[in-house]
Amino acid sequence: MPAPINYAELDYTQWSPVQRWARRFFKFCSMLLTRTQVEGLENFPQQGPILMAVNHLHLFDSPVFFCVVPRRAIIFAADKFRKNWLFNWILIHVGNVIYVKRGETDRRTIADSLKVLRAGGVLAVAPEGTRSRTGSLNKGHTGAVYLASRAPASIVPMVAYGQEKAYAHWLRLRRAPIHVRIGAPIALPNGKLTVEQLEEKTDELMVTLARLLPPAYRGIYAEAAARAEQNG
């Protein structure tokens, strides 16, 4: 079994040798199998602690973001993947994974996440907490905003869509169109946030993610996103 990762001592300024190889491999596959369009890459800070808030549609989300994000990022994964030796090896060596037990408040997960951010790293978090079963945004949880406020770290909203339909295109021997959009960094208020503030900022974050997505993907945030667009 691989040794535990010390997230406070990782070098977040460069990719590991395994990650560099994996990025070349995934980028080659992406070129061959997809037509990936990226908007807003200039919004991704080149340094400093970043909580990358993403939507979660498919297992392909991680490779898509991995190819696009210009910095080494730490990901979350469900604890169940730890039991599969292949997934576990990939997640640890490529994603430097922090495992999460669904439905539980895990102090080690929180502590490791804060170590990443306080060491100046990038942490990828899906505020929905799990993969969407509807193909659109579900209710966001406050964990992402909580971590960013405690670190503290800026939040970079980032979405990808189209990857969930990739199989259908490949069966027709077509490259799958995938879209990645990155929004401007979000700074949170200084100091400890109240429960009400955590809820408010989480709703604002989810509406921001919704506005980066086409209407069909906005889910329960469709109306709020439409109102925000009308109000400018």
C-alpha atoms as a PDB file:
ATOM      1  CA  MET A   1       0.000   0.000   0.000  1.00  0.00           C
ATOM      2  CA  PRO A   2       1.391   3.480  -0.884  1.00  0.00           C
ATOM      3  CA  ALA A   3       2.669   5.596   1.981  1.00  0.00           C
ATOM      4  CA  PRO A   4       0.349   8.368   3.233  1.00  0.00           C
ATOM      5  CA  ILE A   5       0.813  11.713   1.485  1.00  0.00           C
ATOM      6  CA  ASN A   6       2.103  14.632   3.550  1.00  0.00           C
ATOM      7  CA  TYR A   7       0.145  17.453   1.930  1.00  0.00           C
ATOM      8  CA  ALA A   8       2.000  20.146   3.863  1.00  0.00           C
ATOM      9  CA  GLU A   9       5.313  19.164   2.245  1.00  0.00           C
ATOM     10  CA  LEU A  10       4.331  18.533  -1.393  1.00  0.00           C
ATOM     11  CA  ASP A  11       5.965  20.764  -3.993  1.00  0.00           C
ATOM     12  CA  TYR A  12       2.945  22.457  -5.554  1.00  0.00           C
ATOM     13  CA  THR A  13       5.084  24.505  -7.951  1.00  0.00           C
ATOM     14  CA  GLN A  14       5.739  21.586 -10.298  1.00  0.00           C
ATOM     15  CA  TRP A  15       4.286  18.308 -11.516  1.00  0.00           C
ATOM     16  CA  SER A  16       5.688  15.008 -10.284  1.00  0.00           C
ATOM     17  CA  PRO A  17       7.354  12.745 -12.912  1.00  0.00           C
ATOM     18  CA  VAL A  18       4.286  10.469 -12.956  1.00  0.00           C
ATOM     19  CA  GLN A  19       1.994  13.466 -13.402  1.00  0.00           C
ATOM     20  CA  ARG A  20       4.081  14.864 -16.265  1.00  0.00           C
ATOM     21  CA  TRP A  21       3.846  11.516 -18.063  1.00  0.00           C
ATOM     22  CA  ALA A  22       0.126  11.260 -17.336  1.00  0.00           C
ATOM     23  CA  ARG A  23      -0.541  14.784 -18.645  1.00  0.00           C
ATOM     24  CA  ARG A  24       1.220  13.972 -21.915  1.00  0.00           C
ATOM     25  CA  PHE A  25      -0.802  10.764 -22.224  1.00  0.00           C
ATOM     26  CA  PHE A  26      -4.156  12.389 -21.441  1.00  0.00           C
ATOM     27  CA  LYS A  27      -3.446  15.378 -23.697  1.00  0.00           C
ATOM     28  CA  PHE A  28      -2.612  12.999 -26.556  1.00  0.00           C
ATOM     29  CA  CYS A  29      -5.862  11.096 -25.933  1.00  0.00           C
ATOM     30  CA  SER A  30      -7.750  14.384 -25.748  1.00  0.00           C
ATOM     31  CA  MET A  31      -6.320  15.538 -29.086  1.00  0.00           C
ATOM     32  CA  LEU A  32      -7.172  12.199 -30.670  1.00  0.00           C
ATOM     33  CA  LEU A  33     -10.640  11.653 -29.200  1.00  0.00           C
ATOM     34  CA  THR A  34     -12.083  15.080 -28.401  1.00  0.00           C
ATOM     35  CA  ARG A  35     -12.449  18.643 -29.603  1.00  0.00           C
ATOM     36  CA  THR A  36     -11.893  20.486 -26.342  1.00  0.00           C
ATOM     37  CA  GLN A  37     -12.532  24.225 -26.237  1.00  0.00           C
ATOM     38  CA  VAL A  38     -11.243  26.186 -23.246  1.00  0.00           C
ATOM     39  CA  GLU A  39     -12.467  29.652 -22.267  1.00  0.00           C
ATOM     40  CA  GLY A  40     -11.106  31.833 -19.491  1.00  0.00           C
ATOM     41  CA  LEU A  41      -7.760  30.139 -18.865  1.00  0.00           C
ATOM     42  CA  GLU A  42      -6.337  33.598 -18.146  1.00  0.00           C
ATOM     43  CA  ASN A  43      -8.565  33.652 -15.036  1.00  0.00           C
ATOM     44  CA  PHE A  44      -6.596  30.847 -13.376  1.00  0.00           C
ATOM     45  CA  PRO A  45      -3.978  32.361 -11.006  1.00  0.00           C
ATOM     46  CA  GLN A  46      -0.411  31.202 -11.544  1.00  0.00           C
ATOM     47  CA  GLN A  47       0.399  31.203  -7.837  1.00  0.00           C
ATOM     48  CA  GLY A  48      -1.175  31.255  -4.405  1.00  0.00           C
ATOM     49  CA  PRO A  49      -3.756  28.991  -2.751  1.00  0.00           C
ATOM     50  CA  ILE A  50      -6.737  28.195  -4.960  1.00  0.00           C
ATOM     51  CA  LEU A  51      -9.885  26.221  -4.303  1.00  0.00           C
ATOM     52  CA  MET A  52     -11.085  25.094  -7.717  1.00  0.00           C
ATOM     53  CA  ALA A  53     -14.886  24.716  -7.526  1.00  0.00           C
ATOM     54  CA  VAL A  54     -16.130  22.442 -10.318  1.00  0.00           C
ATOM     55  CA  ASN A  55     -19.288  20.750 -11.545  1.00  0.00           C
ATOM     56  CA  HIS A  56     -19.308  16.955 -11.593  1.00  0.00           C
ATOM     57  CA  LEU A  57     -21.027  15.168 -14.481  1.00  0.00           C
ATOM     58  CA  HIS A  58     -18.932  12.109 -15.279  1.00  0.00           C
ATOM     59  CA  LEU A  59     -15.864  10.039 -14.426  1.00  0.00           C
ATOM     60  CA  PHE A  60     -14.171  11.802 -17.361  1.00  0.00           C
ATOM     61  CA  ASP A  61     -14.332  15.135 -15.493  1.00  0.00           C
ATOM     62  CA  SER A  62     -10.998  14.595 -13.748  1.00  0.00           C
ATOM     63  CA  PRO A  63      -8.971  13.824 -16.915  1.00  0.00           C
ATOM     64  CA  VAL A  64     -10.570  16.826 -18.649  1.00  0.00           C
ATOM     65  CA  PHE A  65      -9.648  19.223 -15.848  1.00  0.00           C
ATOM     66  CA  PHE A  66      -6.231  17.559 -15.436  1.00  0.00           C
ATOM     67  CA  CYS A  67      -5.364  18.404 -19.054  1.00  0.00           C
ATOM     68  CA  VAL A  68      -6.517  22.011 -18.756  1.00  0.00           C
ATOM     69  CA  VAL A  69      -5.470  23.247 -15.311  1.00  0.00           C
ATOM     70  CA  PRO A  70      -1.979  24.811 -15.550  1.00  0.00           C
ATOM     71  CA  ARG A  71      -1.012  23.933 -11.970  1.00  0.00           C
ATOM     72  CA  ARG A  72      -0.664  20.782  -9.915  1.00  0.00           C
ATOM     73  CA  ALA A  73      -4.025  20.144  -8.241  1.00  0.00           C
ATOM     74  CA  ILE A  74      -5.170  17.832  -5.460  1.00  0.00           C
ATOM     75  CA  ILE A  75      -8.486  16.046  -5.978  1.00  0.00           C
ATOM     76  CA  PHE A  76     -11.146  14.412  -3.823  1.00  0.00           C
ATOM     77  CA  ALA A  77     -12.428  10.896  -4.478  1.00  0.00           C
ATOM     78  CA  ALA A  78     -14.935   8.615  -2.796  1.00  0.00           C
ATOM     79  CA  ASP A  79     -13.366   6.275  -0.262  1.00  0.00           C
ATOM     80  CA  LYS A  80     -14.757   3.265  -2.174  1.00  0.00           C
ATOM     81  CA  PHE A  81     -12.097   3.730  -4.883  1.00  0.00           C
ATOM     82  CA  ARG A  82      -9.389   2.987  -2.316  1.00  0.00           C
ATOM     83  CA  LYS A  83     -10.359  -0.709  -2.518  1.00  0.00           C
ATOM     84  CA  ASN A  84      -9.539  -0.976  -6.240  1.00  0.00           C
ATOM     85  CA  TRP A  85      -5.751  -1.277  -6.501  1.00  0.00           C
ATOM     86  CA  LEU A  86      -5.582   0.238 -10.016  1.00  0.00           C
ATOM     87  CA  PHE A  87      -7.840   3.220  -9.287  1.00  0.00           C
ATOM     88  CA  ASN A  88      -6.092   3.702  -5.952  1.00  0.00           C
ATOM     89  CA  TRP A  89      -2.644   3.804  -7.596  1.00  0.00           C
ATOM     90  CA  ILE A  90      -3.789   6.253 -10.290  1.00  0.00           C
ATOM     91  CA  LEU A  91      -5.614   8.508  -7.845  1.00  0.00           C
ATOM     92  CA  ILE A  92      -2.677   8.652  -5.434  1.00  0.00           C
ATOM     93  CA  HIS A  93       0.132   9.114  -7.967  1.00  0.00           C
ATOM     94  CA  VAL A  94      -1.687  11.252 -10.541  1.00  0.00           C
ATOM     95  CA  GLY A  95      -4.300  13.075  -8.472  1.00  0.00           C
ATOM     96  CA  ASN A  96      -2.530  13.044  -5.070  1.00  0.00           C
ATOM     97  CA  VAL A  97      -6.024  12.177  -3.875  1.00  0.00           C
ATOM     98  CA  ILE A  98      -7.713  13.033  -0.600  1.00  0.00           C
ATOM     99  CA  TYR A  99     -10.266  10.305   0.051  1.00  0.00           C
ATOM    100  CA  VAL A 100     -13.708  11.303   1.305  1.00  0.00           C
ATOM    101  CA  LYS A 101     -16.251   9.182   3.149  1.00  0.00           C
ATOM    102  CA  ARG A 102     -19.614  10.214   1.718  1.00  0.00           C
ATOM    103  CA  GLY A 103     -22.103  11.539   4.229  1.00  0.00           C
ATOM    104  CA  GLU A 104     -19.551  11.829   7.028  1.00  0.00           C
ATOM    105  CA  THR A 105     -17.633  14.739   8.507  1.00  0.00           C
ATOM    106  CA  ASP A 106     -14.051  13.504   8.363  1.00  0.00           C
ATOM    107  CA  ARG A 107     -11.604  15.619  10.379  1.00  0.00           C
ATOM    108  CA  ARG A 108      -8.621  14.159   8.551  1.00  0.00           C
ATOM    109  CA  THR A 109     -10.131  15.164   5.193  1.00  0.00           C
ATOM    110  CA  ILE A 110     -10.636  18.714   6.436  1.00  0.00           C
ATOM    111  CA  ALA A 111      -7.136  18.863   7.936  1.00  0.00           C
ATOM    112  CA  ASP A 112      -5.475  17.543   4.756  1.00  0.00           C
ATOM    113  CA  SER A 113      -7.485  19.963   2.602  1.00  0.00           C
ATOM    114  CA  LEU A 114      -6.381  22.922   4.692  1.00  0.00           C
ATOM    115  CA  LYS A 115      -2.761  21.724   4.523  1.00  0.00           C
ATOM    116  CA  VAL A 116      -2.950  21.839   0.712  1.00  0.00           C
ATOM    117  CA  LEU A 117      -4.344  25.361   0.628  1.00  0.00           C
ATOM    118  CA  ARG A 118      -2.113  26.751   3.373  1.00  0.00           C
ATOM    119  CA  ALA A 119       0.923  25.383   1.522  1.00  0.00           C
ATOM    120  CA  GLY A 120      -0.142  27.427  -1.521  1.00  0.00           C
ATOM    121  CA  GLY A 121      -1.621  24.522  -3.485  1.00  0.00           C
ATOM    122  CA  VAL A 122      -4.675  24.008  -5.671  1.00  0.00           C
ATOM    123  CA  LEU A 123      -7.548  21.906  -4.336  1.00  0.00           C
ATOM    124  CA  ALA A 124     -10.323  20.739  -6.677  1.00  0.00           C
ATOM    125  CA  VAL A 125     -13.735  20.429  -5.016  1.00  0.00           C
ATOM    126  CA  ALA A 126     -17.184  19.646  -6.421  1.00  0.00           C
ATOM    127  CA  PRO A 127     -19.584  21.604  -4.148  1.00  0.00           C
ATOM    128  CA  GLU A 128     -22.390  19.185  -5.074  1.00  0.00           C
ATOM    129  CA  GLY A 129     -20.477  16.506  -3.187  1.00  0.00           C
ATOM    130  CA  THR A 130     -20.980  13.738  -5.733  1.00  0.00           C
ATOM    131  CA  ARG A 131     -21.550  13.100  -9.431  1.00  0.00           C
ATOM    132  CA  SER A 132     -24.837  14.494 -10.751  1.00  0.00           C
ATOM    133  CA  ARG A 133     -27.394  11.833 -11.653  1.00  0.00           C
ATOM    134  CA  THR A 134     -29.523  14.341 -13.560  1.00  0.00           C
ATOM    135  CA  GLY A 135     -26.866  15.740 -15.889  1.00  0.00           C
ATOM    136  CA  SER A 136     -27.307  19.192 -14.329  1.00  0.00           C
ATOM    137  CA  LEU A 137     -26.404  21.070 -11.157  1.00  0.00           C
ATOM    138  CA  ASN A 138     -27.737  19.795  -7.850  1.00  0.00           C
ATOM    139  CA  LYS A 139     -27.787  21.543  -4.474  1.00  0.00           C
ATOM    140  CA  GLY A 140     -24.350  22.758  -3.447  1.00  0.00           C
ATOM    141  CA  HIS A 141     -22.956  22.031   0.018  1.00  0.00           C
ATOM    142  CA  THR A 142     -21.083  24.568   2.125  1.00  0.00           C
ATOM    143  CA  GLY A 143     -17.844  22.558   2.409  1.00  0.00           C
ATOM    144  CA  ALA A 144     -16.035  24.279  -0.462  1.00  0.00           C
ATOM    145  CA  VAL A 145     -16.718  27.777   0.845  1.00  0.00           C
ATOM    146  CA  TYR A 146     -15.865  26.666   4.389  1.00  0.00           C
ATOM    147  CA  LEU A 147     -12.443  25.353   3.325  1.00  0.00           C
ATOM    148  CA  ALA A 148     -11.664  28.445   1.242  1.00  0.00           C
ATOM    149  CA  SER A 149     -12.631  30.748   4.105  1.00  0.00           C
ATOM    150  CA  ARG A 150     -10.598  28.829   6.683  1.00  0.00           C
ATOM    151  CA  ALA A 151      -7.398  28.587   4.614  1.00  0.00           C
ATOM    152  CA  PRO A 152      -7.908  31.362   3.378  1.00  0.00           C
ATOM    153  CA  ALA A 153      -7.924  30.876  -0.408  1.00  0.00           C
ATOM    154  CA  SER A 154      -9.544  32.340  -3.495  1.00  0.00           C
ATOM    155  CA  ILE A 155     -12.207  30.272  -5.243  1.00  0.00           C
ATOM    156  CA  VAL A 156     -11.918  29.716  -8.994  1.00  0.00           C
ATOM    157  CA  PRO A 157     -15.218  28.540 -10.553  1.00  0.00           C
ATOM    158  CA  MET A 158     -14.665  26.049 -13.370  1.00  0.00           C
ATOM    159  CA  VAL A 159     -17.059  23.902 -15.405  1.00  0.00           C
ATOM    160  CA  ALA A 160     -16.818  21.247 -18.082  1.00  0.00           C
ATOM    161  CA  TYR A 161     -19.611  19.780 -20.182  1.00  0.00           C
ATOM    162  CA  GLY A 162     -19.879  17.440 -23.136  1.00  0.00           C
ATOM    163  CA  GLN A 163     -17.644  14.742 -21.650  1.00  0.00           C
ATOM    164  CA  GLU A 164     -20.717  12.883 -20.389  1.00  0.00           C
ATOM    165  CA  LYS A 165     -21.746  12.334 -24.037  1.00  0.00           C
ATOM    166  CA  ALA A 166     -18.320  11.227 -25.253  1.00  0.00           C
ATOM    167  CA  TYR A 167     -19.177   7.526 -25.622  1.00  0.00           C
ATOM    168  CA  ALA A 168     -22.025   8.295 -28.012  1.00  0.00           C
ATOM    169  CA  HIS A 169     -19.680  10.264 -30.272  1.00  0.00           C
ATOM    170  CA  TRP A 170     -16.955   7.621 -30.155  1.00  0.00           C
ATOM    171  CA  LEU A 171     -19.415   4.904 -31.164  1.00  0.00           C
ATOM    172  CA  ARG A 172     -20.004   6.974 -34.305  1.00  0.00           C
ATOM    173  CA  LEU A 173     -16.227   7.339 -34.763  1.00  0.00           C
ATOM    174  CA  ARG A 174     -16.425  11.065 -34.056  1.00  0.00           C
ATOM    175  CA  ARG A 175     -14.371  13.250 -31.773  1.00  0.00           C
ATOM    176  CA  ALA A 176     -16.410  14.355 -28.775  1.00  0.00           C
ATOM    177  CA  PRO A 177     -16.949  18.122 -28.359  1.00  0.00           C
ATOM    178  CA  ILE A 178     -16.048  19.161 -24.804  1.00  0.00           C
ATOM    179  CA  HIS A 179     -16.246  22.663 -23.373  1.00  0.00           C
ATOM    180  CA  VAL A 180     -14.318  23.991 -20.378  1.00  0.00           C
ATOM    181  CA  ARG A 181     -15.040  27.441 -18.947  1.00  0.00           C
ATOM    182  CA  ILE A 182     -13.153  29.163 -16.139  1.00  0.00           C
ATOM    183  CA  GLY A 183     -14.597  32.141 -14.287  1.00  0.00           C
ATOM    184  CA  ALA A 184     -12.879  34.983 -12.450  1.00  0.00           C
ATOM    185  CA  PRO A 185     -11.505  34.231  -8.959  1.00  0.00           C
ATOM    186  CA  ILE A 186     -13.882  34.870  -6.062  1.00  0.00           C
ATOM    187  CA  ALA A 187     -12.559  36.433  -2.856  1.00  0.00           C
ATOM    188  CA  LEU A 188     -14.432  35.697   0.366  1.00  0.00           C
ATOM    189  CA  PRO A 189     -14.920  38.150   3.262  1.00  0.00           C
ATOM    190  CA  ASN A 190     -12.179  38.212   5.877  1.00  0.00           C
ATOM    191  CA  GLY A 191     -12.747  36.375   9.122  1.00  0.00           C
ATOM    192  CA  LYS A 192     -14.798  33.376  10.171  1.00  0.00           C
ATOM    193  CA  LEU A 193     -18.069  33.047   8.270  1.00  0.00           C
ATOM    194  CA  THR A 194     -21.343  32.363  10.042  1.00  0.00           C
ATOM    195  CA  VAL A 195     -23.594  29.481   9.009  1.00  0.00           C
ATOM    196  CA  GLU A 196     -25.825  31.966   7.197  1.00  0.00           C
ATOM    197  CA  GLN A 197     -22.848  33.467   5.351  1.00  0.00           C
ATOM    198  CA  LEU A 198     -21.610  30.008   4.345  1.00  0.00           C
ATOM    199  CA  GLU A 199     -25.030  29.224   2.874  1.00  0.00           C
ATOM    200  CA  GLU A 200     -25.229  32.599   1.137  1.00  0.00           C
ATOM    201  CA  LYS A 201     -21.749  32.371  -0.396  1.00  0.00           C
ATOM    202  CA  THR A 202     -22.371  28.764  -1.457  1.00  0.00           C
ATOM    203  CA  ASP A 203     -25.559  29.785  -3.262  1.00  0.00           C
ATOM    204  CA  GLU A 204     -23.658  32.620  -4.957  1.00  0.00           C
ATOM    205  CA  LEU A 205     -20.916  30.184  -5.992  1.00  0.00           C
ATOM    206  CA  MET A 206     -23.431  27.717  -7.432  1.00  0.00           C
ATOM    207  CA  VAL A 207     -25.147  30.478  -9.398  1.00  0.00           C
ATOM    208  CA  THR A 208     -21.735  31.501 -10.752  1.00  0.00           C
ATOM    209  CA  LEU A 209     -21.121  27.903 -11.873  1.00  0.00           C
ATOM    210  CA  ALA A 210     -24.598  27.822 -13.418  1.00  0.00           C
ATOM    211  CA  ARG A 211     -23.901  30.987 -15.409  1.00  0.00           C
ATOM    212  CA  LEU A 212     -20.810  29.346 -16.890  1.00  0.00           C
ATOM    213  CA  LEU A 213     -22.981  26.451 -18.110  1.00  0.00           C
ATOM    214  CA  PRO A 214     -25.595  26.303 -20.886  1.00  0.00           C
ATOM    215  CA  PRO A 215     -29.205  26.474 -19.568  1.00  0.00           C
ATOM    216  CA  ALA A 216     -29.736  22.704 -19.942  1.00  0.00           C
ATOM    217  CA  TYR A 217     -26.996  22.038 -17.363  1.00  0.00           C
ATOM    218  CA  ARG A 218     -28.020  24.591 -14.736  1.00  0.00           C
ATOM    219  CA  GLY A 219     -30.443  22.368 -12.834  1.00  0.00           C
ATOM    220  CA  ILE A 220     -31.974  23.865  -9.697  1.00  0.00           C
ATOM    221  CA  TYR A 221     -29.978  27.076 -10.207  1.00  0.00           C
ATOM    222  CA  ALA A 222     -31.459  27.835 -13.641  1.00  0.00           C
ATOM    223  CA  GLU A 223     -33.873  30.532 -12.464  1.00  0.00           C
ATOM    224  CA  ALA A 224     -31.354  32.237 -10.185  1.00  0.00           C
ATOM    225  CA  ALA A 225     -28.746  32.232 -12.967  1.00  0.00           C
ATOM    226  CA  ALA A 226     -31.238  33.702 -15.438  1.00  0.00           C
ATOM    227  CA  ARG A 227     -32.144  36.473 -12.970  1.00  0.00           C
ATOM    228  CA  ALA A 228     -28.473  37.232 -12.349  1.00  0.00           C
ATOM    229  CA  GLU A 229     -27.857  37.499 -16.100  1.00  0.00           C
ATOM    230  CA  GLN A 230     -30.806  39.859 -16.522  1.00  0.00           C
ATOM    231  CA  ASN A 231     -29.526  42.060 -13.718  1.00  0.00           C
ATOM    232  CA  GLY A 232     -26.044  42.101 -15.257  1.00  0.00           C
END
